Amino acid sequence: MTATPFAEGIQAILFEPVGCLAEFPPEPFQEIAARLFQRRKQPSKSGSRVYWRLLNSMEASFASSIAAPAVEALELESVEAAMLYEDARPALVELRSMGVRALVVSSLCDAALRRFLDKCGLDEFFESVHSRDSSGGIKAAPLKAALAAANLIPRRTVFLTDTAAGLELARSLEVNPVLMMNDPDEAKRLALRNPAGGIVSLHELCDMIRVVSAKRRLVETDAGANVYKCT
């Protein structure tokens, strides 16, 4: 990754719906963990945190996890109960008007991911959708598939995430991790991991891109002026 995040501008945003486009309930993910891995259900208000913990368990035994019919049914249940963030649609409209490419990357099954987009009416905003089924894996697999399919430059790409695991995943692929600060206390802790940026709402994502673009134009203008002086 470059020493200065976004030095070359922002080309695209990779969205994980869980925790970044909508609030998902933790209970279906807890039930998956209990059925597949005999994990005790622990109280949690964050569906996203439970989801990422589940992914760590699924990663260790991916073949058996993905084949379980109960997984898809419970993921569909989580989608039906998910609450789309009120600023999600307006932000996506603005991103499209700015010419920023938007892609969905998720470790949810394809049926759950497609149902989420259909339920929320978001299909039109994303140029491609990458699930664990279509990418053949979880966590890194959907991101790698999106980067390759869209011919994206990792250092000019943002992965929006609200967990430590998501931040590390983005860095492992040389993608810029931007922290979605859903929980103030958790955000303070995660900010110590030095994400490339942080936002408290999806509207701020558009503002961040505008700032990055303005700074890049300023650098290019200064560079052009220096070249002119030298000649």
Protein backbone atom coordinates (compact mmCIF):
# COMPACT_ATOMS: atom_id res chain seq x y z
CA MET A 1 0.00 0.00 0.00
CA THR A 2 1.25 3.50 -0.65
CA ALA A 3 2.62 5.47 2.29
CA THR A 4 -0.06 8.11 1.79
CA PRO A 5 -3.56 6.62 1.44
CA PHE A 6 -5.46 7.68 -1.67
CA ALA A 7 -2.45 9.46 -3.17
CA GLU A 8 -3.68 8.34 -6.60
CA GLY A 9 -7.35 8.99 -5.91
CA ILE A 10 -10.28 6.65 -5.27
CA GLN A 11 -11.46 4.43 -8.10
CA ALA A 12 -14.03 2.19 -6.42
CA ILE A 13 -15.74 1.25 -3.15
CA LEU A 14 -16.23 -2.34 -2.04
CA PHE A 15 -19.29 -2.71 0.20
CA GLU A 16 -19.94 -5.55 2.65
CA PRO A 17 -23.68 -5.17 3.37
CA VAL A 18 -23.43 -6.59 6.90
CA GLY A 19 -22.71 -3.59 9.11
CA CYS A 20 -21.91 -1.19 6.28
CA LEU A 21 -25.15 -0.88 4.35
CA ALA A 22 -27.55 -2.23 6.94
CA GLU A 23 -27.89 -3.37 10.53
CA PHE A 24 -28.23 -7.16 10.57
CA PRO A 25 -29.57 -9.02 13.61
CA PRO A 26 -27.02 -11.18 15.46
CA GLU A 27 -29.38 -14.05 16.25
CA PRO A 28 -29.33 -15.90 12.88
CA PHE A 29 -25.52 -15.82 12.80
CA GLN A 30 -25.39 -17.02 16.40
CA GLU A 31 -27.70 -19.88 15.46
CA ILE A 32 -25.43 -20.88 12.57
CA ALA A 33 -22.44 -20.94 14.92
CA ALA A 34 -24.37 -23.02 17.44
CA ARG A 35 -25.55 -25.59 14.90
CA LEU A 36 -22.34 -25.97 12.92
CA PHE A 37 -19.67 -25.41 15.53
CA GLN A 38 -21.45 -26.02 18.84
CA ARG A 39 -20.72 -22.45 19.89
CA ARG A 40 -22.60 -21.15 22.89
CA LYS A 41 -24.80 -18.18 22.10
CA GLN A 42 -23.37 -15.07 23.76
CA PRO A 43 -25.35 -11.84 24.03
CA SER A 44 -24.35 -9.31 21.39
CA LYS A 45 -25.94 -6.19 19.97
CA SER A 46 -23.77 -6.23 16.85
CA GLY A 47 -24.76 -8.56 14.06
CA SER A 48 -21.60 -7.57 12.21
CA ARG A 49 -19.25 -8.69 15.00
CA VAL A 50 -21.05 -12.03 15.32
CA TYR A 51 -20.94 -12.43 11.54
CA TRP A 52 -17.16 -11.90 11.35
CA ARG A 53 -16.54 -14.28 14.26
CA LEU A 54 -18.63 -16.85 12.42
CA LEU A 55 -16.54 -16.35 9.28
CA ASN A 56 -13.40 -17.24 11.22
CA SER A 57 -14.99 -20.56 12.19
CA MET A 58 -16.29 -21.19 8.68
CA GLU A 59 -12.86 -20.48 7.24
CA ALA A 60 -11.42 -23.42 9.17
CA SER A 61 -14.01 -25.86 7.81
CA PHE A 62 -15.32 -24.12 4.73
CA ALA A 63 -16.41 -27.15 2.68
CA SER A 64 -18.74 -28.54 5.33
CA SER A 65 -20.03 -25.09 6.30
CA ILE A 66 -21.07 -24.02 2.83
CA ALA A 67 -22.86 -27.32 2.22
CA ALA A 68 -25.12 -26.97 5.25
CA PRO A 69 -28.70 -26.16 4.11
CA ALA A 70 -29.38 -24.47 7.43
CA VAL A 71 -26.77 -21.82 6.71
CA GLU A 72 -28.56 -20.42 3.67
CA ALA A 73 -31.94 -20.49 5.42
CA LEU A 74 -30.61 -18.60 8.44
CA GLU A 75 -28.78 -16.08 6.27
CA LEU A 76 -32.02 -15.42 4.40
CA GLU A 77 -33.69 -14.95 7.78
CA SER A 78 -31.07 -12.37 8.73
CA VAL A 79 -31.65 -10.51 5.46
CA GLU A 80 -35.40 -10.30 6.06
CA ALA A 81 -34.78 -8.70 9.46
CA ALA A 82 -31.96 -6.40 8.28
CA MET A 83 -32.58 -2.65 8.53
CA LEU A 84 -31.11 -0.59 5.71
CA TYR A 85 -29.29 2.52 6.94
CA GLU A 86 -31.37 5.56 6.07
CA ASP A 87 -28.45 7.27 4.35
CA ALA A 88 -27.47 4.24 2.24
CA ARG A 89 -29.58 5.00 -0.83
CA PRO A 90 -28.85 8.77 -0.94
CA ALA A 91 -25.13 8.06 -0.56
CA LEU A 92 -25.17 5.49 -3.35
CA VAL A 93 -27.01 7.93 -5.61
CA GLU A 94 -24.35 10.54 -4.90
CA LEU A 95 -21.48 8.11 -5.44
CA ARG A 96 -22.93 7.20 -8.83
CA SER A 97 -23.21 10.88 -9.78
CA MET A 98 -19.54 11.31 -8.81
CA GLY A 99 -18.50 8.48 -11.12
CA VAL A 100 -17.22 6.28 -8.30
CA ARG A 101 -17.63 2.57 -8.98
CA ALA A 102 -19.49 0.55 -6.35
CA LEU A 103 -19.30 -3.23 -5.91
CA VAL A 104 -20.75 -5.63 -3.37
CA VAL A 105 -18.43 -8.14 -1.72
CA SER A 106 -19.74 -10.48 0.93
CA SER A 107 -19.29 -13.87 2.54
CA LEU A 108 -23.05 -14.33 2.56
CA CYS A 109 -24.45 -16.93 0.20
CA ASP A 110 -25.60 -15.74 -3.21
CA ALA A 111 -29.29 -16.23 -2.44
CA ALA A 112 -29.11 -14.08 0.71
CA LEU A 113 -27.05 -11.39 -0.98
CA ARG A 114 -29.37 -11.16 -3.99
CA ARG A 115 -32.40 -11.09 -1.70
CA PHE A 116 -30.89 -8.23 0.32
CA LEU A 117 -30.28 -6.12 -2.79
CA ASP A 118 -33.75 -6.89 -4.16
CA LYS A 119 -35.48 -6.21 -0.85
CA CYS A 120 -33.72 -2.87 -0.43
CA GLY A 121 -33.91 -1.93 -4.12
CA LEU A 122 -30.16 -1.42 -4.45
CA ASP A 123 -29.31 -3.55 -7.49
CA GLU A 124 -29.03 -0.55 -9.81
CA PHE A 125 -26.18 1.00 -7.83
CA PHE A 126 -23.68 -1.86 -8.05
CA GLU A 127 -21.81 -2.88 -11.16
CA SER A 128 -21.12 -6.37 -9.81
CA VAL A 129 -21.94 -8.60 -6.85
CA HIS A 130 -19.54 -11.14 -5.37
CA SER A 131 -20.78 -13.68 -2.83
CA ARG A 132 -19.07 -16.70 -1.28
CA ASP A 133 -20.80 -18.88 -3.88
CA SER A 134 -19.72 -16.89 -6.92
CA SER A 135 -16.18 -16.34 -5.62
CA GLY A 136 -15.69 -19.86 -4.25
CA GLY A 137 -14.71 -18.78 -0.76
CA ILE A 138 -15.19 -16.39 2.13
CA LYS A 139 -13.46 -13.31 3.56
CA ALA A 140 -10.69 -12.58 1.04
CA ALA A 141 -12.23 -14.55 -1.85
CA PRO A 142 -15.09 -12.12 -2.70
CA LEU A 143 -12.72 -9.14 -2.55
CA LYS A 144 -10.17 -10.84 -4.81
CA ALA A 145 -12.94 -11.75 -7.24
CA ALA A 146 -14.19 -8.15 -7.36
CA LEU A 147 -10.71 -6.69 -7.86
CA ALA A 148 -10.00 -9.11 -10.70
CA ALA A 149 -13.38 -8.91 -12.42
CA ALA A 150 -13.48 -5.11 -12.42
CA ASN A 151 -9.75 -4.72 -13.09
CA LEU A 152 -9.40 -2.51 -10.03
CA ILE A 153 -6.16 -1.11 -8.66
CA PRO A 154 -6.06 -2.12 -4.96
CA ARG A 155 -4.38 1.09 -3.77
CA ARG A 156 -7.15 3.10 -5.44
CA THR A 157 -9.89 0.94 -3.95
CA VAL A 158 -11.69 1.27 -0.61
CA PHE A 159 -13.12 -1.55 1.48
CA LEU A 160 -15.70 -0.26 3.94
CA THR A 161 -15.75 -2.27 7.17
CA ASP A 162 -16.70 -1.93 10.83
CA THR A 163 -14.53 -4.67 12.35
CA ALA A 164 -10.87 -5.33 13.09
CA ALA A 165 -11.00 -8.45 10.91
CA GLY A 166 -12.24 -6.36 7.99
CA LEU A 167 -9.45 -3.82 8.43
CA GLU A 168 -6.79 -6.55 8.39
CA LEU A 169 -8.42 -8.29 5.44
CA ALA A 170 -8.27 -5.12 3.34
CA ARG A 171 -4.63 -4.53 4.24
CA SER A 172 -3.72 -8.09 3.29
CA LEU A 173 -4.93 -7.31 -0.24
CA GLU A 174 -3.35 -3.82 -0.30
CA VAL A 175 -6.82 -2.27 -0.40
CA ASN A 176 -7.53 0.87 1.66
CA PRO A 177 -9.63 0.00 4.74
CA VAL A 178 -12.09 2.71 5.75
CA LEU A 179 -13.70 2.29 9.14
CA MET A 180 -17.47 2.51 9.42
CA MET A 181 -17.84 3.80 12.97
CA ASN A 182 -21.15 2.29 14.03
CA ASP A 183 -20.29 1.90 17.70
CA PRO A 184 -18.45 4.85 19.34
CA ASP A 185 -16.52 2.76 21.88
CA GLU A 186 -15.55 0.12 19.34
CA ALA A 187 -14.60 2.83 16.85
CA LYS A 188 -12.15 4.36 19.34
CA ARG A 189 -10.45 1.00 19.74
CA LEU A 190 -10.36 0.27 16.01
CA ALA A 191 -9.04 3.75 15.20
CA LEU A 192 -5.81 2.68 16.92
CA ARG A 193 -5.32 0.20 14.07
CA ASN A 194 -4.75 3.14 11.71
CA PRO A 195 -7.43 2.68 9.04
CA ALA A 196 -7.02 4.74 5.87
CA GLY A 197 -10.04 6.77 6.94
CA GLY A 198 -13.14 6.71 9.11
CA ILE A 199 -16.77 7.74 8.69
CA VAL A 200 -19.80 7.85 10.97
CA SER A 201 -22.29 7.89 8.12
CA LEU A 202 -22.36 6.93 4.46
CA HIS A 203 -22.82 10.58 3.54
CA GLU A 204 -19.33 11.18 4.93
CA LEU A 205 -17.97 8.64 2.46
CA CYS A 206 -18.92 11.00 -0.37
CA ASP A 207 -17.37 13.93 1.50
CA MET A 208 -14.16 11.95 1.99
CA ILE A 209 -13.93 11.23 -1.72
CA ARG A 210 -14.44 14.91 -2.55
CA VAL A 211 -11.64 15.87 -0.16
CA VAL A 212 -9.33 13.24 -1.66
CA SER A 213 -10.10 14.49 -5.19
CA ALA A 214 -9.49 18.12 -4.20
CA LYS A 215 -6.14 17.28 -2.60
CA ARG A 216 -5.09 15.32 -5.65
CA ARG A 217 -5.96 18.21 -7.97
CA LEU A 218 -3.96 20.54 -5.75
CA VAL A 219 -0.93 18.26 -5.87
CA GLU A 220 -1.21 17.97 -9.65
CA THR A 221 -1.52 21.76 -9.99
CA ASP A 222 1.54 22.31 -7.80
CA ALA A 223 3.49 19.71 -9.76
CA GLY A 224 2.54 21.41 -13.03
CA ALA A 225 3.57 24.79 -11.68
CA ASN A 226 6.95 23.42 -10.60
CA VAL A 227 7.52 21.94 -14.05
CA TYR A 228 6.67 25.30 -15.64
CA LYS A 229 9.15 27.09 -13.37
CA CYS A 230 11.89 24.62 -14.27
CA THR A 231 11.34 25.24 -17.97
